[in-house]
Protein backbone atom coordinates (compact mmCIF):
# COMPACT_ATOMS: atom_id res chain seq x y z
CA MET A 1 80.39 92.04 113.35
CA THR A 2 80.72 88.67 112.18
CA GLY A 3 83.00 86.19 112.18
CA GLY A 4 85.96 86.10 110.40
CA ASN A 5 88.65 88.66 108.84
CA TYR A 6 86.15 89.76 106.41
CA GLY A 7 82.94 89.85 108.55
CA LEU A 8 80.00 92.14 107.29
CA TYR A 9 79.06 95.00 109.51
CA ASP A 10 75.25 95.50 109.65
CA TYR A 11 75.25 98.64 107.52
CA GLU A 12 77.27 96.98 105.20
CA ARG A 13 74.84 94.07 104.79
CA TRP A 14 71.49 96.03 104.83
CA SER A 15 73.39 98.57 101.93
CA ILE A 16 73.56 95.41 99.37
CA TYR A 17 70.50 93.99 100.93
CA ALA A 18 68.63 97.40 99.75
CA LEU A 19 70.74 97.93 96.51
CA THR A 20 69.76 94.44 95.40
CA ALA A 21 66.19 95.93 96.36
CA ILE A 22 66.40 98.55 94.08
CA THR A 23 68.17 96.91 91.62
CA THR A 24 65.63 93.71 91.00
CA LEU A 25 63.11 96.66 90.71
CA ILE A 26 64.86 98.68 87.96
CA PHE A 27 65.37 95.23 86.04
CA SER A 28 61.18 94.24 86.91
CA ALA A 29 60.41 98.00 85.24
CA LEU A 30 62.43 96.95 81.95
CA PHE A 31 60.91 93.41 81.85
CA LEU A 32 57.74 94.48 81.92
CA ASN A 33 58.60 96.84 79.43
CA ILE A 34 59.82 94.64 77.05
CA LEU A 35 56.82 92.76 77.15
CA ASP A 36 54.48 95.85 76.61
CA ILE A 37 52.85 95.38 79.66
CA SER A 38 51.61 98.88 81.26
CA ASN A 39 51.72 99.12 84.89
CA PRO A 40 52.85 102.04 87.58
CA LEU A 41 55.91 101.07 88.22
CA THR A 42 57.39 101.33 84.44
CA ASP A 43 55.28 104.15 84.32
CA PHE A 44 57.53 105.60 87.64
CA ILE A 45 61.01 104.84 86.79
CA THR A 46 60.31 106.22 83.32
CA ASP A 47 59.10 109.66 84.38
CA TYR A 48 61.31 110.31 86.62
CA TYR A 49 64.74 108.86 86.03
CA VAL A 50 64.92 107.44 82.32
CA ASN A 51 62.92 110.48 80.48
CA PRO A 52 65.18 113.19 82.82
CA VAL A 53 68.26 111.47 81.83
CA LEU A 54 67.21 111.55 77.96
CA ASP A 55 66.24 115.20 78.43
CA GLU A 56 69.36 116.30 79.82
CA SER A 57 71.56 114.61 77.33
CA GLY A 58 69.53 116.70 74.88
CA GLY A 59 70.38 120.22 76.61
CA ASP A 60 67.69 120.43 79.58
CA ALA A 61 68.41 119.86 83.16
CA GLY A 62 67.25 116.39 84.20
CA TYR A 63 66.64 116.87 87.79
CA ASN A 64 63.72 116.66 89.92
CA VAL A 65 62.95 116.10 93.77
CA THR A 66 62.68 112.30 93.54
CA ASN A 67 65.82 111.38 91.51
CA THR A 68 67.86 113.48 93.52
CA ILE A 69 66.75 112.20 96.61
CA THR A 70 67.24 108.73 94.93
CA TYR A 71 70.75 109.34 93.50
CA ALA A 72 71.80 110.79 96.83
CA VAL A 73 70.37 107.78 99.04
CA VAL A 74 71.57 105.10 96.61
CA LEU A 75 75.75 106.78 96.32
CA ALA A 76 75.41 106.13 100.40
CA LEU A 77 74.37 102.92 99.74
CA PHE A 78 77.33 102.40 97.23
CA VAL A 79 79.95 103.41 99.72
CA ALA A 80 79.02 101.18 102.38
CA ALA A 81 78.37 98.07 100.16
CA LEU A 82 81.58 98.75 98.13
CA SER A 83 83.80 99.27 101.50
CA ALA A 84 83.18 95.61 101.98
CA TRP A 85 83.82 94.06 98.49
CA LEU A 86 86.91 96.05 98.80
CA ARG A 87 88.08 94.97 102.43
CA ILE A 88 87.58 91.46 101.06
CA LEU A 89 89.40 92.30 97.59
CA GLU A 90 92.26 93.36 99.49
CA ILE A 91 92.41 96.41 98.08
CA ASP A 92 94.88 99.13 99.28
CA PRO A 93 92.74 101.44 101.60
CA SER A 94 95.40 104.17 102.07
CA ASP A 95 95.06 107.63 100.56
CA ALA A 96 97.15 106.35 97.24
CA THR A 97 94.19 104.57 95.97
CA LEU A 98 92.42 107.91 96.48
CA LEU A 99 94.83 109.69 94.39
CA ALA A 100 94.99 106.59 91.64
CA LEU A 101 90.99 106.81 91.45
CA LEU A 102 91.47 110.68 91.03
CA PRO A 103 91.95 111.07 87.10
CA TYR A 104 88.52 109.61 86.77
CA VAL A 105 87.19 112.52 88.29
CA PHE A 106 88.73 114.64 85.53
CA TRP A 107 87.96 111.72 83.16
CA ALA A 108 83.90 112.15 83.98
CA ALA A 109 83.61 115.45 83.66
CA LEU A 110 85.72 116.30 80.51
CA GLY A 111 83.30 113.63 78.90
CA GLU A 112 80.39 115.36 80.22
CA VAL A 113 81.87 118.71 78.50
CA VAL A 114 82.37 117.08 75.44
CA GLU A 115 78.52 115.80 75.69
CA ASP A 116 77.53 119.37 76.26
CA ALA A 117 79.06 120.36 73.35
CA ASN A 118 76.87 117.63 71.70
CA MET A 119 80.35 115.82 70.25
CA PHE A 120 78.95 112.47 70.84
CA ASP A 121 76.20 111.10 68.85
CA SER A 122 72.81 110.02 69.96
CA SER A 123 73.72 106.41 71.27
CA MET A 124 76.57 107.02 73.16
CA ALA A 125 75.50 110.61 74.57
CA PRO A 126 73.08 109.53 77.22
CA LEU A 127 75.86 107.46 78.74
CA PHE A 128 77.55 110.72 79.86
CA VAL A 129 75.02 112.58 81.94
CA SER A 130 74.25 111.89 85.31
CA PRO A 131 73.33 108.75 86.79
CA SER A 132 74.72 107.23 83.82
CA ILE A 133 77.93 108.63 83.87
CA HIS A 134 78.65 107.11 86.90
CA PHE A 135 78.03 103.84 86.10
CA GLN A 136 80.19 104.19 82.88
CA THR A 137 82.99 105.67 85.14
CA ALA A 138 82.56 102.58 87.30
CA LEU A 139 82.47 99.99 84.74
CA TRP A 140 86.44 101.43 83.61
CA VAL A 141 87.26 101.43 87.02
CA ILE A 142 86.72 98.27 87.42
CA ILE A 143 88.16 97.32 83.69
CA ALA A 144 91.42 99.13 84.63
CA GLY A 145 91.05 97.34 88.09
CA SER A 146 91.07 94.02 87.10
CA ILE A 147 94.23 94.44 84.93
CA GLY A 148 96.37 95.17 87.85
CA TYR A 149 94.37 92.74 90.03
CA HIS A 150 95.31 89.67 87.30
CA VAL A 151 98.47 90.64 86.89
CA ARG A 152 99.07 90.77 90.84
CA ASN A 153 97.49 87.35 91.13
CA TYR A 154 100.51 86.24 88.69
CA GLY A 155 102.16 85.00 91.76
CA SER A 156 105.87 83.88 91.28
CA LYS A 157 104.90 82.20 88.09
CA ILE A 158 106.69 85.16 86.01
CA SER A 159 108.89 87.91 87.13
CA ASP A 160 107.77 91.54 88.71
CA SER A 161 109.54 93.55 85.25
CA GLU A 162 107.71 90.90 83.19
CA LYS A 163 104.47 92.08 85.12
CA ASP A 164 105.35 95.68 84.64
CA ARG A 165 105.16 94.85 80.85
CA ILE A 166 102.05 93.19 80.61
CA LEU A 167 100.16 95.63 82.97
CA GLU A 168 101.84 98.59 80.53
CA SER A 169 100.71 96.66 77.58
CA LEU A 170 96.97 95.65 79.01
CA CYS A 171 96.55 99.09 79.94
CA MET A 172 97.53 100.43 76.34
CA ILE A 173 94.98 98.21 74.65
CA VAL A 174 92.14 99.54 77.22
CA ILE A 175 92.96 103.30 76.21
CA PHE A 176 93.11 102.85 72.83
CA VAL A 177 89.78 100.72 72.72
CA GLN A 178 88.76 103.92 74.40
CA PHE A 179 90.23 106.19 71.62
CA LEU A 180 87.86 103.78 68.95
CA ILE A 181 84.76 103.61 71.07
CA PHE A 182 84.62 107.83 71.75
CA GLY A 183 86.39 108.30 68.33
CA HIS A 184 83.44 106.68 66.41
CA SER A 185 80.87 108.28 68.05
CA ILE A 186 82.39 111.76 67.98
CA SER A 187 82.95 111.30 64.13
CA SER A 188 79.65 110.50 64.04
CA SER A 189 77.92 112.79 65.04
CA GLU A 190 77.29 116.43 63.67
CA ILE A 191 78.90 118.42 65.40
CA GLY A 192 82.37 115.98 65.01
CA SER A 193 81.33 115.08 61.58
CA ASN A 194 81.69 118.98 60.78
CA LEU A 195 85.14 119.19 63.14
CA ASP A 196 89.05 118.54 61.77
CA LEU A 197 89.39 115.99 63.79
CA THR A 198 93.74 115.64 63.19
CA ILE A 199 94.37 116.95 66.41
CA PHE A 200 92.13 114.76 68.11
CA ALA A 201 93.65 111.96 66.24
CA VAL A 202 96.86 112.72 67.20
CA ILE A 203 96.41 113.16 70.57
CA GLY A 204 94.37 109.85 71.22
CA ILE A 205 96.74 107.86 69.75
CA SER A 206 99.55 109.34 71.74
CA ALA A 207 97.62 108.26 74.55
CA THR A 208 98.08 104.87 74.11
CA LEU A 209 101.77 105.55 75.46
CA ILE A 210 100.79 106.96 78.86
CA PRO A 211 101.39 103.68 80.34
CA ILE A 212 105.40 104.21 79.18
CA PHE A 213 105.73 107.85 79.77
CA PHE A 214 104.50 107.48 83.35
CA ARG A 215 106.11 104.32 83.87
CA GLU A 216 108.77 105.77 86.50
CA SER A 217 106.35 108.38 88.36
CA THR A 218 103.65 105.41 89.06
CA SER A 219 106.79 102.61 90.02
CA GLU A 220 105.57 102.96 94.30
CA PHE A 221 101.82 102.59 92.90
CA SER A 222 100.29 98.57 93.30
CA TYR A 223 99.51 96.95 90.39
CA ILE A 224 95.78 97.62 90.81
CA GLN A 225 96.76 101.46 91.81
CA LYS A 226 98.90 101.70 88.31
CA SER A 227 96.43 100.29 86.50
CA VAL A 228 93.95 101.65 87.46
CA TYR A 229 95.91 105.73 87.05
CA LEU A 230 96.74 104.87 83.68
CA VAL A 231 93.82 103.71 82.48
CA GLY A 232 92.39 107.33 83.86
CA CYS A 233 95.08 109.06 82.32
CA GLY A 234 94.90 108.01 78.82
CA GLY A 235 91.08 108.41 78.71
CA ILE A 236 91.49 111.96 80.33
CA LEU A 237 93.92 112.73 77.03
CA VAL A 238 91.34 111.15 74.92
CA PHE A 239 88.39 113.39 75.80
CA PHE A 240 90.77 116.69 76.30
CA GLY A 241 91.95 116.30 72.29
CA ALA A 242 87.93 116.11 71.27
CA LEU A 243 88.24 119.28 73.61
CA VAL A 244 90.87 120.78 71.58
CA SER A 245 89.82 120.10 68.33
CA PHE A 246 86.39 121.40 69.21
CA ALA A 247 88.09 124.23 70.48
CA THR A 248 90.02 125.22 67.45
CA SER A 249 86.86 125.53 65.84
CA LEU A 250 85.56 128.17 67.93
CA PRO A 251 85.53 132.01 66.89
CA GLU A 252 88.00 133.74 69.72
CA ASP A 253 84.96 135.32 71.65
CA LYS A 254 83.83 132.06 72.10
CA LEU A 255 87.16 130.88 73.93
CA THR A 256 87.59 131.86 77.55
CA LEU A 257 90.26 130.89 79.58
CA TRP A 258 90.40 133.35 82.58
CA PRO A 259 87.94 130.96 84.67
CA LEU A 260 90.89 128.27 84.34
CA VAL A 261 92.98 130.47 86.52
CA ILE A 262 90.18 131.11 89.15
CA VAL A 263 88.51 127.91 89.11
CA ILE A 264 91.58 125.50 89.17
CA GLY A 265 94.21 127.71 90.58
CA ILE A 266 92.65 128.82 93.92
CA PRO A 267 91.39 125.37 95.09
CA LEU A 268 95.24 124.27 93.95
CA VAL A 269 96.64 126.72 96.08
CA ILE A 270 94.34 125.92 99.03
CA CYS A 271 95.84 121.90 98.31
CA TYR A 272 99.46 123.06 98.55
CA ALA A 273 98.88 125.29 101.53
CA MET A 274 96.95 122.22 103.58
CA PHE A 275 99.67 120.13 102.74
CA SER A 276 102.36 122.21 103.97
CA THR A 277 100.88 123.07 107.18
CA GLY A 278 99.74 119.41 107.97
CA ILE A 279 102.68 117.53 106.66
CA GLU A 280 104.95 117.84 109.56
CA SER A 281 102.20 116.39 112.19
CA SER A 282 101.41 113.71 109.79
CA ARG A 283 104.96 112.67 109.68
CA ARG A 284 105.29 112.49 112.64
CA LEU A 285 102.45 110.33 113.13
CA SER A 286 103.27 108.05 110.18
CA GLU A 287 106.79 107.59 112.30
CA ARG A 288 105.41 105.42 115.17
CA GLY A 289 102.94 103.74 112.48
CA PHE A 290 99.93 106.18 113.07
CA VAL A 291 97.15 107.19 110.95
CA ALA A 292 94.87 109.96 112.05
CA GLY A 293 91.74 109.02 112.15
CA ILE A 294 92.63 105.02 111.60
CA LEU A 295 92.03 102.76 115.46
CA PRO A 296 95.13 100.35 115.96
CA GLU A 297 93.74 96.96 114.73
CA GLY A 298 90.95 94.72 117.19
CA MET A 299 90.66 98.50 118.76
CA SER A 300 86.94 100.03 118.70
CA GLU A 301 85.35 103.29 119.10
CA THR A 302 84.56 102.38 123.05
CA ASP A 303 87.77 101.17 123.56
CA TYR A 304 89.36 104.09 122.14
CA GLU A 305 87.51 106.66 124.17
CA ASP A 306 88.34 104.52 127.41
CA LEU A 307 91.80 104.56 126.56
CA VAL A 308 94.77 106.99 128.23
CA SER A 309 97.88 106.27 127.00
CA VAL A 310 100.77 107.88 126.08
CA ASP A 311 100.39 106.94 122.37
CA LYS A 312 96.42 108.16 122.45
CA THR A 313 97.70 112.07 123.78
CA PHE A 314 100.13 111.85 120.79
CA MET A 315 97.62 111.08 118.44
CA GLU A 316 95.38 113.83 119.51
CA GLU A 317 98.26 116.48 119.48
CA ASN A 318 98.84 116.15 115.98
CA ARG A 319 95.63 114.66 114.41
CA LYS A 320 93.72 117.84 113.54
CA LYS A 321 96.96 119.19 111.90
CA ALA A 322 97.94 115.82 110.28
CA VAL A 323 94.46 115.18 108.44
CA LEU A 324 95.27 118.86 106.93
CA ALA A 325 98.19 116.87 104.34
CA TYR A 326 96.04 113.69 103.69
CA PRO A 327 94.85 113.58 100.23
CA VAL A 328 91.04 112.23 101.12
CA VAL A 329 90.98 115.61 102.82
CA PHE A 330 92.45 118.36 100.69
CA LEU A 331 91.30 117.12 97.73
CA SER A 332 87.80 116.91 99.22
CA VAL A 333 87.85 120.50 100.66
CA SER A 334 89.18 121.60 97.54
CA GLY A 335 86.71 120.34 95.73
CA GLN A 336 83.70 121.81 97.16
CA VAL A 337 85.67 125.43 96.64
CA MET A 338 85.95 124.41 93.22
CA ASP A 339 82.36 123.86 92.89
CA GLY A 340 81.71 126.72 94.63
CA LEU A 341 83.46 129.24 92.14
CA ALA A 342 82.77 127.26 89.51
CA THR A 343 78.89 128.12 90.06
CA TRP A 344 79.47 131.51 91.19
CA ILE A 345 81.28 132.80 87.65
CA GLY A 346 78.75 130.48 85.73
CA ILE A 347 75.95 132.27 86.55
CA GLU A 348 77.25 135.79 87.79
CA TYR A 349 79.54 136.12 84.62
CA PHE A 350 78.17 133.90 81.90
CA GLY A 351 74.73 134.19 82.65
CA TYR A 352 74.20 130.33 83.58
CA ASP A 353 71.44 128.79 85.61
CA GLU A 354 71.71 126.32 88.10
CA LYS A 355 70.21 123.04 87.89
CA HIS A 356 70.86 121.09 90.79
CA LEU A 357 68.18 121.71 92.93
CA LEU A 358 69.38 122.11 96.05
CA SER A 359 72.20 124.69 94.78
CA ALA A 360 69.18 125.87 93.54
CA ARG A 361 67.74 126.88 96.56
CA ILE A 362 71.04 127.85 98.35
CA ILE A 363 71.26 130.66 95.93
CA GLU A 364 67.72 131.25 95.87
CA GLU A 365 67.65 132.11 100.10
CA PHE A 366 70.99 133.72 99.70
CA GLY A 367 69.93 135.91 96.72
CA ASN A 368 73.22 135.50 95.06
CA THR A 369 75.81 133.07 94.03
CA PHE A 370 78.67 134.39 96.17
CA GLY A 371 76.85 133.37 99.36
CA PHE A 372 76.76 129.72 97.88
CA THR A 373 80.41 129.81 97.21
CA MET A 374 81.08 130.95 101.03
CA VAL A 375 78.75 128.03 101.72
CA LYS A 376 81.06 125.36 99.65
CA ALA A 377 84.01 126.80 101.61
CA GLY A 378 81.84 126.20 104.79
CA LEU A 379 81.08 122.95 104.45
CA GLY A 380 85.29 122.57 103.08
CA ILE A 381 85.52 123.48 107.00
CA ILE A 382 83.26 120.74 108.32
CA ILE A 383 84.99 118.00 106.00
CA TRP A 384 88.06 118.82 107.64
CA TRP A 385 86.33 118.96 111.50
CA PHE A 386 85.10 115.66 110.19
CA PHE A 387 88.20 113.90 109.20
CA ALA A 388 89.93 115.39 112.00
CA TYR A 389 87.80 114.06 114.96
CA ALA A 390 86.07 111.25 113.31
CA ASN A 391 87.47 107.74 114.14
CA PHE A 392 87.29 104.57 111.75
CA GLU A 393 88.11 100.99 113.05
CA ASN A 394 91.00 99.22 111.01
CA LYS A 395 88.42 97.14 108.86
CA GLN A 396 86.86 100.54 108.22
CA GLN A 397 89.87 102.28 106.27
CA HIS A 398 88.16 101.16 103.14
CA LEU A 399 84.99 102.89 104.34
CA ARG A 400 86.78 105.93 104.98
CA LEU A 401 88.76 106.30 101.42
CA LEU A 402 84.94 105.94 100.12
CA VAL A 403 83.29 108.87 101.88
CA GLY A 404 86.31 110.72 100.97
CA LEU A 405 86.08 109.68 97.54
CA MET A 406 82.39 110.46 97.54
CA ILE A 407 82.52 114.11 98.81
CA LEU A 408 85.56 114.65 96.35
CA VAL A 409 83.25 113.40 93.28
CA VAL A 410 79.89 115.35 94.20
CA GLY A 411 82.41 118.71 94.64
CA MET A 412 85.10 118.32 91.83
CA ALA A 413 83.27 116.35 89.48
CA PRO A 414 80.55 119.50 88.96
CA GLY A 415 83.00 122.18 89.14
CA LEU A 416 85.59 120.41 86.33
CA ARG A 417 82.54 120.11 84.16
CA GLY A 418 81.60 123.73 85.11
CA VAL A 419 84.40 125.47 84.03
CA GLY A 420 85.00 123.17 80.97
CA ARG A 421 81.63 124.26 79.62
CA LEU A 422 82.65 128.24 80.29
CA VAL A 423 86.07 127.64 78.60
CA ILE A 424 84.62 126.98 75.60
CA GLY A 425 81.48 128.49 76.11
CA GLN A 426 78.31 125.90 76.09
């Protein structure tokens, strides 16, 4: 650790260096392509990254070994680098921030389902396949977060109630911008131009009122959490409206609702069971100012291991149950189960194929998709074990948050997309 309150850990610094190098290579390849200079770098990026994205937006799987490994590595690098950035910006590292970001998992998944239904025009469709969807989602999070960040920093110039009204107004504008951008693309597409988009228009315009409807329920959020959450929820409603319009055009045998009961219902039961089991232990720790797995300020992992105290004993007695009640844990666990269930139902009952290479290999090894679902459930146990025993230094709270978010996204997002496709027969 370097000096100063916001000093970077070595892994954060090297992650930033690596991402800078990767970005430089990508822009170099693009620049050489613009200059029409043939070179192996441009050819490599085009073959393994650009073309797969364009192919996937046309309906084909866009994954190969090279880009799959690259996406995993880049995701890990972003987690490490962003943890430093969020710490410097003094973003709340509690699980409340994870809850504020949760709508974007649904936002991205529903956006991908809209793309699967071919409702976007050719210019927008590539932005809703991996990895473009991740960068676009991050962009909307940054836009929404910047609203809360700047409203928060108005200081004492205006009252809190005035800040709330300004924040709500700006969030309403951003939601309406989403409706205009995506609505224009949908209405311009071949599918969208042949649909009755009245329902989409009504729901999409109504989405702009989300900041008013959710005023009371978001009162405990910070300004940044509130703006991020509201814009995400508004975006969800925009895509939901588009899918409702699409669903109304489907024949009855193409619309299938029963997968929702299983793929959404079982993870919800798991969340409730985990929360109910762990809430009392979580409460005990909270009353003494502790969060399981987060060390007191100034204490390292080694210091904690060598520590002998009543507080440590109390922590160790409660932490295994307490983490069950933390959103960063129960959402991550249920997300993995959701993905496993969606994959199992999609392949076994709807004849879908698994396009993710690692998942396809696991299914091949087991010889059936239910084995894959059990692997996902087992992964959920490993996630609980990790958070039950891992210790994060006080300055690593943002890393803990982002690790949980990463696990949540790679499980819940494909699960939601999968069940969304099953419902509308795509």
